């Protein structure tokens, strides 16, 4: 590790940070809204984004700074088991091809802004809608916090903020500045800001990975040497566990864990509110269908990114916190100026998803808590104002989380977030294809999944912590170790199906379904669509 502040890298980092800050504020004039006091405009960018804008926005949304740091860090720490992120991002796209266009269509026809809006309209249940909204907000908060952790990792490696004995305000000042800028341009420009910045973010990430995958192996003697050194390192016995540190291929004992984690993560990814927010911002059903076919390009990038974990081992990177491994690899291997470009890619890769996540959480609160339960007669202008304020509060909460708690707490809550958000799948995806499920059965299934998933995760210990030490546990009745979220999901579905039969048999009252079959295949120009594009953007080619 280099001593002191890396001035050249910091200068390049600051240059890109200032550039995207200017872009964030200018985004308010990009595709200027006909009515700025509308949640459709501030929270969904006017529902006007074309194929490429949506592609960059979804990529910036799903492939975050934490992905950039955590996936290769998992490879660095344990070996090939960290590659589960690659198959799960491949599995997810056939899944979303089946249901996202239907969600887009019904949401545009009825003006739904959130998944909870759809659930309330489909099942006529504010209680079920509230459950989905609260789950979404809870799952999103630690996700935002982890983006800030990603920025902190970069700042630490650059030597910004001083050492452990430095005054806390001085140490955290760079992060506070980054937070303040993010909060300001998100408040001002809404979803248009991350949509515009995503072009820079993804361009930088593709550039850095392309250079890293060629340049670093050349410096390290080629991939043969990299894998040989990694294999030797993984064969060493860990003093903490008394077992080998990891493996170049997943061991047989871990195959159930690997497979269930990949499948469960694939099912959960597009349940997150920020994924849906980016989806609903697109201008047509066809844009969504096209994006499900080209988004796998990011999975190719992710596979190459994961290899950096092996490179960090071969390069002799030694860090106490595995999250610093890749930033430290860049610091050690790249010229200072290009290390600055790489750090900027990670930093901007944190700001884009953090902005979208805070907007998504704010939309959920405004539409499905504030309007449904606090002020039902809220005007569109008031909805937008409340959503802007809540987006700031969400970021403040995430910042406090990062500054006051151990980073492992944020990671633990993120693991819980994945388990929790998966429990909304039956109500959302099930509701897109059938009205058979009973609203009370869906609520009961959700509750069972949430309780089991939380308690099971609480009971998982690791060598370094007593509770929430991982996301895998023995699957009841099977005996294999598997992803807790998927086990909870199966319990959720079983309870939902059984109770639906019971409730229908006793003729329990069902809510009113405000949707019609043709809502699920409607496009923006079809008759009956209630939400139309503003005249200024309706004919624009993107």
Protein backbone atom coordinates (compact mmCIF):
# COMPACT_ATOMS: atom_id res chain seq x y z
CA UNK A 1 0.00 0.00 0.00
CA UNK A 2 1.35 3.40 -0.93
CA UNK A 3 1.95 5.89 1.87
CA UNK A 4 -0.09 9.09 2.13
CA UNK A 5 -2.54 10.48 -0.37
CA UNK A 6 -2.25 9.41 -4.01
CA UNK A 7 -2.50 12.92 -5.43
CA UNK A 8 -2.66 11.96 -9.12
CA UNK A 9 -5.36 9.32 -8.60
CA UNK A 10 -7.30 11.70 -6.35
CA UNK A 11 -7.09 14.46 -8.96
CA UNK A 12 -8.52 12.21 -11.69
CA UNK A 13 -11.21 10.98 -9.28
CA UNK A 14 -12.22 14.54 -8.38
CA UNK A 15 -12.34 15.53 -12.07
CA UNK A 16 -14.85 12.79 -12.89
CA UNK A 17 -16.81 13.46 -9.71
CA UNK A 18 -17.18 17.14 -10.63
CA UNK A 19 -18.17 16.19 -14.18
CA UNK A 20 -20.98 13.90 -13.09
CA UNK A 21 -22.11 16.47 -10.50
CA UNK A 22 -22.61 19.01 -13.28
CA UNK A 23 -24.40 16.36 -15.34
CA UNK A 24 -26.65 15.56 -12.37
CA UNK A 25 -27.89 19.12 -12.09
CA UNK A 26 -28.16 19.63 -15.87
CA UNK A 27 -30.30 16.49 -16.07
CA UNK A 28 -33.28 18.53 -14.86
CA UNK A 29 -33.24 20.24 -18.30
CA UNK A 30 -32.76 16.98 -20.21
CA UNK A 31 -36.15 15.88 -21.58
CA UNK A 32 -37.69 18.75 -19.61
CA UNK A 33 -40.97 17.76 -18.01
CA UNK A 34 -44.29 19.23 -19.08
CA UNK A 35 -45.38 19.08 -15.43
CA UNK A 36 -42.54 19.04 -12.91
CA UNK A 37 -44.95 18.54 -10.00
CA UNK A 38 -45.73 14.95 -10.90
CA UNK A 39 -44.36 11.72 -9.46
CA UNK A 40 -44.38 10.29 -12.99
CA UNK A 41 -41.91 12.99 -14.01
CA UNK A 42 -39.66 13.20 -10.94
CA UNK A 43 -39.76 9.53 -9.93
CA UNK A 44 -40.03 7.83 -13.35
CA UNK A 45 -38.44 10.34 -15.74
CA UNK A 46 -41.77 10.92 -17.48
CA UNK A 47 -41.91 7.24 -18.51
CA UNK A 48 -40.12 8.33 -21.65
CA UNK A 49 -36.77 6.49 -21.83
CA UNK A 50 -35.90 4.52 -24.96
CA UNK A 51 -33.92 1.29 -25.35
CA UNK A 52 -30.39 2.57 -24.76
CA UNK A 53 -31.24 4.96 -21.95
CA UNK A 54 -33.15 2.16 -20.22
CA UNK A 55 -30.27 -0.26 -20.81
CA UNK A 56 -27.72 2.04 -19.22
CA UNK A 57 -30.13 2.95 -16.42
CA UNK A 58 -30.88 -0.69 -15.58
CA UNK A 59 -27.20 -1.58 -15.85
CA UNK A 60 -26.26 1.32 -13.59
CA UNK A 61 -29.03 0.25 -11.24
CA UNK A 62 -28.27 -3.48 -10.99
CA UNK A 63 -24.46 -3.57 -11.37
CA UNK A 64 -23.44 -1.32 -8.52
CA UNK A 65 -20.22 -0.20 -6.85
CA UNK A 66 -20.80 -2.88 -4.27
CA UNK A 67 -20.99 -5.45 -7.07
CA UNK A 68 -17.70 -4.08 -8.41
CA UNK A 69 -16.11 -4.48 -4.96
CA UNK A 70 -17.94 -7.47 -3.42
CA UNK A 71 -18.00 -10.06 -6.23
CA UNK A 72 -14.22 -10.18 -6.76
CA UNK A 73 -13.79 -9.78 -2.98
CA UNK A 74 -15.79 -13.00 -2.52
CA UNK A 75 -13.49 -14.74 -5.04
CA UNK A 76 -10.46 -13.28 -3.23
CA UNK A 77 -11.71 -14.63 0.12
CA UNK A 78 -13.17 -18.05 -0.75
CA UNK A 79 -12.58 -18.87 -4.40
CA UNK A 80 -15.01 -20.04 -7.06
CA UNK A 81 -18.07 -20.07 -4.81
CA UNK A 82 -18.15 -16.29 -5.32
CA UNK A 83 -18.97 -16.89 -9.00
CA UNK A 84 -22.63 -17.59 -8.09
CA UNK A 85 -23.35 -14.00 -9.15
CA UNK A 86 -22.61 -14.87 -12.77
CA UNK A 87 -25.17 -17.69 -13.27
CA UNK A 88 -27.82 -15.84 -11.30
CA UNK A 89 -27.58 -12.79 -13.54
CA UNK A 90 -27.92 -15.12 -16.52
CA UNK A 91 -30.94 -16.92 -15.05
CA UNK A 92 -32.74 -13.67 -14.30
CA UNK A 93 -33.23 -12.46 -17.88
CA UNK A 94 -35.50 -15.27 -19.17
CA UNK A 95 -37.52 -14.79 -15.98
CA UNK A 96 -38.02 -11.07 -16.45
CA UNK A 97 -38.76 -11.51 -20.17
CA UNK A 98 -41.84 -13.42 -19.04
CA UNK A 99 -43.24 -10.93 -16.52
CA UNK A 100 -41.72 -7.44 -16.84
CA UNK A 101 -43.56 -6.49 -20.06
CA UNK A 102 -46.85 -7.44 -18.35
CA UNK A 103 -45.99 -5.29 -15.34
CA UNK A 104 -45.02 -2.38 -17.60
CA UNK A 105 -48.31 -2.61 -19.50
CA UNK A 106 -50.65 -2.74 -16.52
CA UNK A 107 -48.66 -0.03 -14.71
CA UNK A 108 -48.86 2.35 -17.66
CA UNK A 109 -52.55 1.73 -18.19
CA UNK A 110 -53.41 2.43 -14.55
CA UNK A 111 -50.69 4.92 -13.65
CA UNK A 112 -48.96 2.62 -11.15
CA UNK A 113 -45.65 4.01 -9.91
CA UNK A 114 -44.63 1.16 -7.57
CA UNK A 115 -45.12 -2.60 -7.27
CA UNK A 116 -47.32 -1.95 -4.24
CA UNK A 117 -49.62 0.15 -6.44
CA UNK A 118 -50.10 -2.89 -8.67
CA UNK A 119 -50.63 -5.30 -5.76
CA UNK A 120 -53.27 -3.00 -4.23
CA UNK A 121 -55.06 -2.65 -7.57
CA UNK A 122 -54.89 -6.33 -8.45
CA UNK A 123 -55.98 -7.78 -5.10
CA UNK A 124 -57.90 -4.84 -3.63
CA UNK A 125 -55.84 -5.04 -0.44
CA UNK A 126 -54.12 -2.09 1.21
CA UNK A 127 -52.73 -4.46 3.86
CA UNK A 128 -50.93 -6.60 1.28
CA UNK A 129 -49.79 -3.46 -0.52
CA UNK A 130 -48.38 -2.09 2.75
CA UNK A 131 -46.51 -5.35 3.40
CA UNK A 132 -44.88 -5.17 -0.04
CA UNK A 133 -44.01 -1.48 0.44
CA UNK A 134 -42.47 -1.92 3.90
CA UNK A 135 -40.47 -4.94 2.69
CA UNK A 136 -39.17 -2.93 -0.26
CA UNK A 137 -38.08 -0.01 1.92
CA UNK A 138 -36.41 -2.30 4.49
CA UNK A 139 -34.55 -4.22 1.79
CA UNK A 140 -33.40 -1.06 0.01
CA UNK A 141 -31.98 0.86 2.98
CA UNK A 142 -28.92 -1.38 3.61
CA UNK A 143 -28.40 -1.60 -0.17
CA UNK A 144 -27.93 2.18 -0.27
CA UNK A 145 -25.61 1.97 2.73
CA UNK A 146 -23.42 -0.54 0.92
CA UNK A 147 -23.01 1.87 -2.00
CA UNK A 148 -21.55 4.35 0.46
CA UNK A 149 -19.31 1.57 1.80
CA UNK A 150 -18.04 1.16 -1.77
CA UNK A 151 -17.14 4.85 -1.95
CA UNK A 152 -15.43 4.58 1.45
CA UNK A 153 -13.31 1.67 0.23
CA UNK A 154 -12.01 3.77 -2.68
CA UNK A 155 -11.33 6.78 -0.45
CA UNK A 156 -9.46 4.60 2.06
CA UNK A 157 -7.16 3.18 -0.60
CA UNK A 158 -6.46 6.66 -2.01
CA UNK A 159 -5.44 7.75 1.50
CA UNK A 160 -8.17 10.38 1.80
CA UNK A 161 -9.53 11.18 5.25
CA UNK A 162 -6.52 10.36 7.39
CA UNK A 163 -5.82 7.42 9.66
CA UNK A 164 -7.82 5.82 12.42
CA UNK A 165 -6.75 8.49 14.93
CA UNK A 166 -7.99 11.33 12.75
CA UNK A 167 -10.95 13.40 13.96
CA UNK A 168 -14.13 11.64 12.79
CA UNK A 169 -15.41 14.71 10.94
CA UNK A 170 -12.20 15.13 8.93
CA UNK A 171 -12.02 11.40 8.26
CA UNK A 172 -15.57 11.20 6.94
CA UNK A 173 -15.67 14.62 5.25
CA UNK A 174 -15.10 13.27 1.70
CA UNK A 175 -17.99 10.85 2.15
CA UNK A 176 -20.18 13.64 3.56
CA UNK A 177 -19.40 15.80 0.52
CA UNK A 178 -20.23 12.96 -1.88
CA UNK A 179 -23.48 12.35 0.00
CA UNK A 180 -24.43 16.03 -0.07
CA UNK A 181 -23.88 16.30 -3.83
CA UNK A 182 -25.84 13.09 -4.46
CA UNK A 183 -28.73 14.31 -2.32
CA UNK A 184 -28.81 17.71 -4.03
CA UNK A 185 -28.95 16.58 -7.65
CA UNK A 186 -31.35 13.72 -6.91
CA UNK A 187 -33.71 16.19 -5.22
CA UNK A 188 -33.39 18.58 -8.14
CA UNK A 189 -33.48 16.24 -11.14
CA UNK A 190 -35.13 13.02 -9.92
CA UNK A 191 -34.60 9.89 -12.02
CA UNK A 192 -33.22 11.90 -14.94
CA UNK A 193 -29.97 12.47 -13.01
CA UNK A 194 -28.92 8.81 -12.58
CA UNK A 195 -30.22 8.03 -16.09
CA UNK A 196 -27.83 10.58 -17.60
CA UNK A 197 -24.89 9.77 -15.31
CA UNK A 198 -25.30 6.03 -16.00
CA UNK A 199 -23.76 6.57 -19.46
CA UNK A 200 -20.52 7.77 -17.85
CA UNK A 201 -20.59 5.15 -15.10
CA UNK A 202 -21.04 2.16 -17.39
CA UNK A 203 -18.57 3.49 -19.96
CA UNK A 204 -15.90 3.84 -17.28
CA UNK A 205 -16.57 0.39 -15.84
CA UNK A 206 -16.37 -1.30 -19.24
CA UNK A 207 -13.13 0.58 -19.97
CA UNK A 208 -11.54 -0.33 -16.63
CA UNK A 209 -12.46 -4.01 -16.88
CA UNK A 210 -11.26 -4.25 -20.50
CA UNK A 211 -7.89 -2.75 -19.54
CA UNK A 212 -7.62 -4.77 -16.30
CA UNK A 213 -8.34 -8.12 -17.94
CA UNK A 214 -5.50 -7.54 -20.45
CA UNK A 215 -2.98 -5.35 -18.61
CA UNK A 216 -2.88 -7.01 -15.17
CA UNK A 217 -2.37 -10.61 -16.44
CA UNK A 218 0.52 -9.38 -18.61
CA UNK A 219 2.17 -7.87 -15.52
CA UNK A 220 1.52 -11.03 -13.48
CA UNK A 221 2.87 -13.50 -16.05
CA UNK A 222 -0.38 -14.66 -17.61
CA UNK A 223 -3.48 -16.51 -16.44
CA UNK A 224 -1.56 -19.78 -15.90
CA UNK A 225 0.51 -18.14 -13.18
CA UNK A 226 -2.52 -16.34 -11.75
CA UNK A 227 -4.56 -19.54 -11.34
CA UNK A 228 -1.54 -21.49 -10.04
CA UNK A 229 -0.87 -18.89 -7.33
CA UNK A 230 -4.56 -18.65 -6.46
CA UNK A 231 -4.85 -22.44 -6.20
CA UNK A 232 -1.84 -22.58 -3.92
CA UNK A 233 -3.24 -19.81 -1.72
CA UNK A 234 -6.67 -21.46 -1.44
CA UNK A 235 -5.05 -24.78 -0.43
CA UNK A 236 -3.51 -23.15 2.65
CA UNK A 237 -5.27 -23.93 5.93
CA UNK A 238 -7.12 -20.99 7.49
CA UNK A 239 -6.07 -20.40 11.12
CA UNK A 240 -9.63 -19.29 11.91
CA UNK A 241 -11.57 -22.26 10.49
CA UNK A 242 -8.90 -24.96 10.39
CA UNK A 243 -9.95 -25.74 6.81
CA UNK A 244 -8.57 -24.77 3.38
CA UNK A 245 -9.17 -21.11 2.62
CA UNK A 246 -11.15 -21.85 -0.56
CA UNK A 247 -11.07 -23.62 -3.92
CA UNK A 248 -10.74 -22.87 -7.63
CA UNK A 249 -13.92 -24.90 -8.26
CA UNK A 250 -16.96 -25.20 -5.97
CA UNK A 251 -16.60 -28.30 -3.74
CA UNK A 252 -19.28 -30.98 -3.92
CA UNK A 253 -20.45 -30.18 -0.40
CA UNK A 254 -21.23 -26.61 -1.46
CA UNK A 255 -23.15 -27.34 -4.66
CA UNK A 256 -26.61 -27.08 -3.09
CA UNK A 257 -25.65 -23.79 -1.53
CA UNK A 258 -24.23 -22.49 -4.82
CA UNK A 259 -27.29 -23.55 -6.87
CA UNK A 260 -29.96 -22.35 -4.41
CA UNK A 261 -28.16 -19.04 -3.86
CA UNK A 262 -27.98 -18.46 -7.62
CA UNK A 263 -31.65 -19.36 -8.17
CA UNK A 264 -32.93 -17.45 -5.15
CA UNK A 265 -30.92 -14.36 -6.07
CA UNK A 266 -32.26 -14.51 -9.64
CA UNK A 267 -35.84 -14.63 -8.37
CA UNK A 268 -35.20 -11.73 -5.99
CA UNK A 269 -33.29 -9.30 -8.21
CA UNK A 270 -36.24 -7.70 -9.96
CA UNK A 271 -38.35 -7.66 -6.81
CA UNK A 272 -36.20 -4.78 -5.54
CA UNK A 273 -37.99 -1.42 -5.87
CA UNK A 274 -35.11 0.24 -7.74
CA UNK A 275 -35.19 -2.45 -10.46
CA UNK A 276 -38.89 -1.81 -11.04
CA UNK A 277 -38.46 1.98 -10.95
CA UNK A 278 -35.91 1.80 -13.76
CA UNK A 279 -38.19 -0.58 -15.69
CA UNK A 280 -41.30 1.57 -15.45
CA UNK A 281 -39.38 4.62 -16.68
CA UNK A 282 -39.19 3.17 -20.20
CA UNK A 283 -41.50 4.46 -22.91
CA UNK A 284 -42.89 1.21 -24.34
CA UNK A 285 -43.43 -2.48 -23.74
CA UNK A 286 -41.05 -3.28 -26.59
CA UNK A 287 -38.22 -1.36 -24.89
CA UNK A 288 -38.50 -3.77 -21.94
CA UNK A 289 -38.47 -6.83 -24.20
CA UNK A 290 -35.40 -5.59 -26.07
CA UNK A 291 -33.59 -4.85 -22.81
CA UNK A 292 -34.06 -8.37 -21.50
CA UNK A 293 -32.17 -9.60 -24.57
CA UNK A 294 -29.21 -7.18 -24.36
CA UNK A 295 -28.76 -6.84 -20.59
CA UNK A 296 -26.85 -10.18 -20.45
CA UNK A 297 -23.88 -8.21 -21.84
CA UNK A 298 -23.45 -7.03 -18.26
CA UNK A 299 -23.15 -10.67 -17.14
CA UNK A 300 -20.16 -11.04 -19.46
CA UNK A 301 -18.63 -8.01 -17.76
CA UNK A 302 -19.42 -9.52 -14.35
CA UNK A 303 -17.61 -12.76 -15.22
CA UNK A 304 -14.49 -10.84 -16.19
CA UNK A 305 -14.83 -8.68 -13.09
CA UNK A 306 -14.90 -11.77 -10.86
CA UNK A 307 -11.49 -12.84 -12.22
CA UNK A 308 -9.98 -9.78 -10.54
CA UNK A 309 -10.31 -11.68 -7.25
CA UNK A 310 -7.81 -14.29 -8.48
CA UNK A 311 -5.55 -11.51 -9.75
CA UNK A 312 -5.55 -9.84 -6.34
CA UNK A 313 -4.27 -13.08 -4.78
CA UNK A 314 -1.61 -13.53 -7.46
CA UNK A 315 -0.49 -9.91 -7.05
CA UNK A 316 0.06 -10.48 -3.33
CA UNK A 317 -2.60 -8.03 -2.17
CA UNK A 318 -2.90 -8.22 1.63
CA UNK A 319 -5.85 -6.43 3.26
CA UNK A 320 -7.67 -6.96 6.55
CA UNK A 321 -10.98 -6.04 4.93
CA UNK A 322 -11.69 -8.06 1.78
CA UNK A 323 -13.76 -5.19 0.39
CA UNK A 324 -10.50 -3.26 -0.11
CA UNK A 325 -8.86 -6.00 -2.20
CA UNK A 326 -9.85 -4.75 -5.66
CA UNK A 327 -9.29 -1.02 -5.02
CA UNK A 328 -5.90 -1.99 -3.60
CA UNK A 329 -5.17 -4.15 -6.66
CA UNK A 330 -5.85 -1.15 -8.90
CA UNK A 331 -3.65 1.05 -6.71
CA UNK A 332 -0.78 -1.43 -6.89
CA UNK A 333 -0.96 -2.45 -10.55
CA UNK A 334 -2.13 0.59 -12.52
CA UNK A 335 -0.31 3.85 -13.18
CA UNK A 336 -1.61 6.49 -10.79
CA UNK A 337 -3.66 8.30 -13.42
CA UNK A 338 -5.50 5.14 -14.52
CA UNK A 339 -5.97 4.06 -10.92
CA UNK A 340 -7.85 7.35 -10.59
CA UNK A 341 -10.07 6.37 -13.55
CA UNK A 342 -10.75 2.99 -11.92
CA UNK A 343 -11.59 4.62 -8.59
CA UNK A 344 -13.91 7.05 -10.38
CA UNK A 345 -15.70 4.09 -12.01
CA UNK A 346 -16.33 2.57 -8.58
CA UNK A 347 -17.33 5.89 -7.02
CA UNK A 348 -19.77 6.82 -9.79
CA UNK A 349 -20.92 3.20 -9.73
CA UNK A 350 -22.08 3.91 -6.18
CA UNK A 351 -23.82 7.21 -6.85
CA UNK A 352 -26.05 6.02 -9.72
CA UNK A 353 -27.75 3.11 -7.92
CA UNK A 354 -27.87 5.01 -4.62
CA UNK A 355 -29.87 7.75 -6.36
CA UNK A 356 -32.28 5.28 -7.98
CA UNK A 357 -32.70 3.31 -4.75
CA UNK A 358 -33.53 6.41 -2.72
CA UNK A 359 -36.08 7.49 -5.34
CA UNK A 360 -37.66 4.01 -5.36
CA UNK A 361 -37.91 3.89 -1.56
CA UNK A 362 -39.36 7.41 -1.50
CA UNK A 363 -41.99 6.49 -4.11
CA UNK A 364 -43.05 3.48 -2.03
CA UNK A 365 -43.45 5.60 1.09
CA UNK A 366 -45.33 8.37 -0.70
CA UNK A 367 -47.74 6.23 -2.73
CA UNK A 368 -48.33 3.28 -0.43
CA UNK A 369 -47.95 4.68 3.09
CA UNK A 370 -48.47 8.45 2.97
CA UNK A 371 -51.25 8.53 0.38
CA UNK A 372 -52.94 5.23 1.32
CA UNK A 373 -52.92 5.69 5.09
CA UNK A 374 -52.04 9.28 6.03
CA UNK A 375 -53.44 11.63 3.39
CA UNK A 376 -55.59 9.90 0.73
CA UNK A 377 -56.47 13.22 -0.95
CA UNK A 378 -52.84 14.24 -1.55
CA UNK A 379 -52.39 16.09 -4.85
CA UNK A 380 -49.76 15.08 -7.44
CA UNK A 381 -47.75 18.16 -6.43
CA UNK A 382 -47.84 17.16 -2.77
CA UNK A 383 -46.90 13.57 -3.64
CA UNK A 384 -43.83 14.82 -5.48
CA UNK A 385 -42.83 17.13 -2.64
CA UNK A 386 -43.14 14.36 -0.04
CA UNK A 387 -41.21 11.93 -2.24
CA UNK A 388 -38.36 14.41 -2.66
CA UNK A 389 -38.13 14.94 1.10
CA UNK A 390 -38.27 11.22 1.86
CA UNK A 391 -35.53 10.54 -0.70
CA UNK A 392 -33.28 12.84 1.35
CA UNK A 393 -34.26 11.15 4.62
CA UNK A 394 -33.51 7.73 3.15
CA UNK A 395 -30.01 8.86 2.17
CA UNK A 396 -29.44 10.38 5.61
CA UNK A 397 -30.48 7.10 7.20
CA UNK A 398 -28.06 5.16 5.00
CA UNK A 399 -25.26 7.63 5.79
CA UNK A 400 -25.86 7.36 9.55
CA UNK A 401 -25.87 3.58 9.14
CA UNK A 402 -22.44 3.65 7.47
CA UNK A 403 -20.85 6.18 9.82
CA UNK A 404 -22.06 4.72 13.12
CA UNK A 405 -22.14 0.94 12.61
CA UNK A 406 -19.63 -1.74 11.78
CA UNK A 407 -19.56 -2.48 8.04
CA UNK A 408 -20.41 -6.14 8.69
CA UNK A 409 -23.77 -4.96 10.08
CA UNK A 410 -24.60 -3.34 6.74
CA UNK A 411 -23.59 -6.53 4.92
CA UNK A 412 -25.72 -8.64 7.28
CA UNK A 413 -28.75 -6.44 6.67
CA UNK A 414 -28.17 -6.66 2.95
CA UNK A 415 -28.21 -10.47 3.20
CA UNK A 416 -31.49 -10.15 5.10
CA UNK A 417 -32.77 -7.72 2.46
CA UNK A 418 -32.38 -10.37 -0.24
CA UNK A 419 -34.26 -12.92 1.88
CA UNK A 420 -37.03 -10.43 2.64
CA UNK A 421 -37.58 -9.04 -0.85
CA UNK A 422 -37.94 -12.56 -2.29
CA UNK A 423 -41.08 -12.97 -0.18
CA UNK A 424 -42.90 -10.39 -2.33
CA UNK A 425 -42.52 -12.60 -5.43
CA UNK A 426 -45.85 -14.54 -5.08
CA UNK A 427 -47.92 -11.36 -4.78
CA UNK A 428 -46.17 -9.48 -7.58
CA UNK A 429 -45.31 -12.11 -10.19
CA UNK A 430 -48.18 -14.41 -9.25
CA UNK A 431 -50.58 -11.48 -9.55
CA UNK A 432 -49.34 -10.67 -13.04
CA UNK A 433 -50.51 -14.06 -14.34
CA UNK A 434 -53.45 -15.09 -12.16
CA UNK A 435 -56.07 -13.71 -9.78
CA UNK A 436 -56.52 -17.13 -8.16
CA UNK A 437 -54.45 -16.41 -5.04
CA UNK A 438 -56.45 -14.99 -2.13
CA UNK A 439 -55.19 -11.71 -0.72
CA UNK A 440 -55.22 -12.98 2.89
CA UNK A 441 -53.36 -16.14 1.85
CA UNK A 442 -50.67 -14.03 0.14
CA UNK A 443 -50.31 -11.91 3.28
CA UNK A 444 -50.02 -15.01 5.49
CA UNK A 445 -47.46 -16.59 3.14
CA UNK A 446 -45.45 -13.37 3.15
CA UNK A 447 -45.47 -13.30 6.97
CA UNK A 448 -44.32 -16.94 7.24
CA UNK A 449 -41.49 -16.35 4.77
CA UNK A 450 -40.36 -13.18 6.54
CA UNK A 451 -40.40 -14.74 10.01
CA UNK A 452 -38.68 -17.98 9.00
CA UNK A 453 -36.07 -16.19 6.86
CA UNK A 454 -35.19 -13.69 9.59
CA UNK A 455 -34.97 -16.28 12.40
CA UNK A 456 -32.99 -18.73 10.25
CA UNK A 457 -30.49 -16.02 9.26
CA UNK A 458 -30.21 -14.92 12.89
CA UNK A 459 -29.17 -18.44 13.82
CA UNK A 460 -26.31 -18.65 11.33
CA UNK A 461 -22.91 -18.21 12.96
CA UNK A 462 -19.52 -17.63 11.38
CA UNK A 463 -15.95 -17.69 12.76
CA UNK A 464 -16.19 -13.94 13.34
CA UNK A 465 -19.77 -13.38 14.48
CA UNK A 466 -22.45 -15.19 16.45
CA UNK A 467 -25.54 -14.15 14.47
CA UNK A 468 -26.29 -13.30 10.83
CA UNK A 469 -23.01 -14.95 9.82
CA UNK A 470 -24.27 -15.98 6.39
CA UNK A 471 -27.32 -16.66 4.23
CA UNK A 472 -27.21 -20.49 4.00
CA UNK A 473 -28.57 -23.10 6.39
CA UNK A 474 -29.77 -26.71 6.36
CA UNK A 475 -32.95 -27.08 4.31
CA UNK A 476 -35.70 -28.69 6.43
CA UNK A 477 -36.59 -32.18 5.20
CA UNK A 478 -33.68 -32.37 2.74
CA UNK A 479 -30.65 -32.05 4.97
CA UNK A 480 -28.53 -30.14 2.44
CA UNK A 481 -27.21 -26.65 3.08
CA UNK A 482 -29.12 -24.14 0.93
CA UNK A 483 -30.01 -20.48 0.57
CA UNK A 484 -32.34 -19.41 3.39
CA UNK A 485 -34.24 -17.02 1.13
CA UNK A 486 -35.24 -19.79 -1.28
CA UNK A 487 -36.34 -22.08 1.58
CA UNK A 488 -38.45 -19.23 3.02
CA UNK A 489 -39.89 -18.60 -0.46
CA UNK A 490 -40.97 -22.25 -0.82
CA UNK A 491 -42.67 -22.07 2.60
CA UNK A 492 -44.32 -18.83 1.52
CA UNK A 493 -45.74 -20.43 -1.64
CA UNK A 494 -46.97 -23.57 0.19
CA UNK A 495 -48.79 -21.50 2.83
CA UNK A 496 -50.26 -19.24 0.14
CA UNK A 497 -51.60 -22.14 -1.95
CA UNK A 498 -53.03 -24.10 1.00
CA UNK A 499 -54.71 -21.06 2.56
CA UNK A 500 -56.11 -19.98 -0.81
CA UNK A 501 -57.92 -23.33 -1.09
CA UNK A 502 -59.22 -22.95 2.48
CA UNK A 503 -60.31 -19.31 2.13
CA UNK A 504 -62.06 -19.97 -1.18
CA UNK A 505 -63.81 -22.98 0.36
CA UNK A 506 -65.24 -20.84 3.19
CA UNK A 507 -66.00 -18.03 0.70
CA UNK A 508 -63.85 -15.44 2.43
CA UNK A 509 -64.31 -12.01 0.83
CA UNK A 510 -61.90 -11.20 -1.98
CA UNK A 511 -60.84 -7.70 -2.89
CA UNK A 512 -61.91 -5.94 -6.07
CA UNK A 513 -59.58 -6.38 -9.05
CA UNK A 514 -59.38 -3.06 -10.90
CA UNK A 515 -57.42 -4.55 -13.81
CA UNK A 516 -58.65 -6.26 -17.00
CA UNK A 517 -57.01 -9.03 -19.08
CA UNK A 518 -56.13 -6.64 -21.91
CA UNK A 519 -54.27 -4.34 -19.46
CA UNK A 520 -51.40 -6.84 -19.34
CA UNK A 521 -50.60 -6.67 -23.05
CA UNK A 522 -51.31 -2.98 -23.70
CA UNK A 523 -48.67 -0.68 -25.17
CA UNK A 524 -48.26 3.07 -24.81
CA UNK A 525 -50.22 3.90 -27.95
CA UNK A 526 -53.11 1.49 -27.38
CA UNK A 527 -56.63 2.80 -26.65
CA UNK A 528 -57.45 2.92 -22.98
CA UNK A 529 -53.95 3.73 -21.76
CA UNK A 530 -54.37 6.36 -19.07
CA UNK A 531 -50.74 7.44 -18.77
CA UNK A 532 -49.42 8.97 -21.96
CA UNK A 533 -46.10 10.51 -22.86
CA UNK A 534 -45.81 14.29 -22.70
CA UNK A 535 -46.30 15.87 -26.15
CA UNK A 536 -42.74 17.23 -26.11
CA UNK A 537 -41.22 13.75 -25.89
CA UNK A 538 -43.79 11.49 -27.51
CA UNK A 539 -42.15 11.49 -30.91
CA UNK A 540 -38.53 11.75 -29.82
CA UNK A 541 -36.07 9.10 -30.94
CA UNK A 542 -33.66 7.96 -28.22
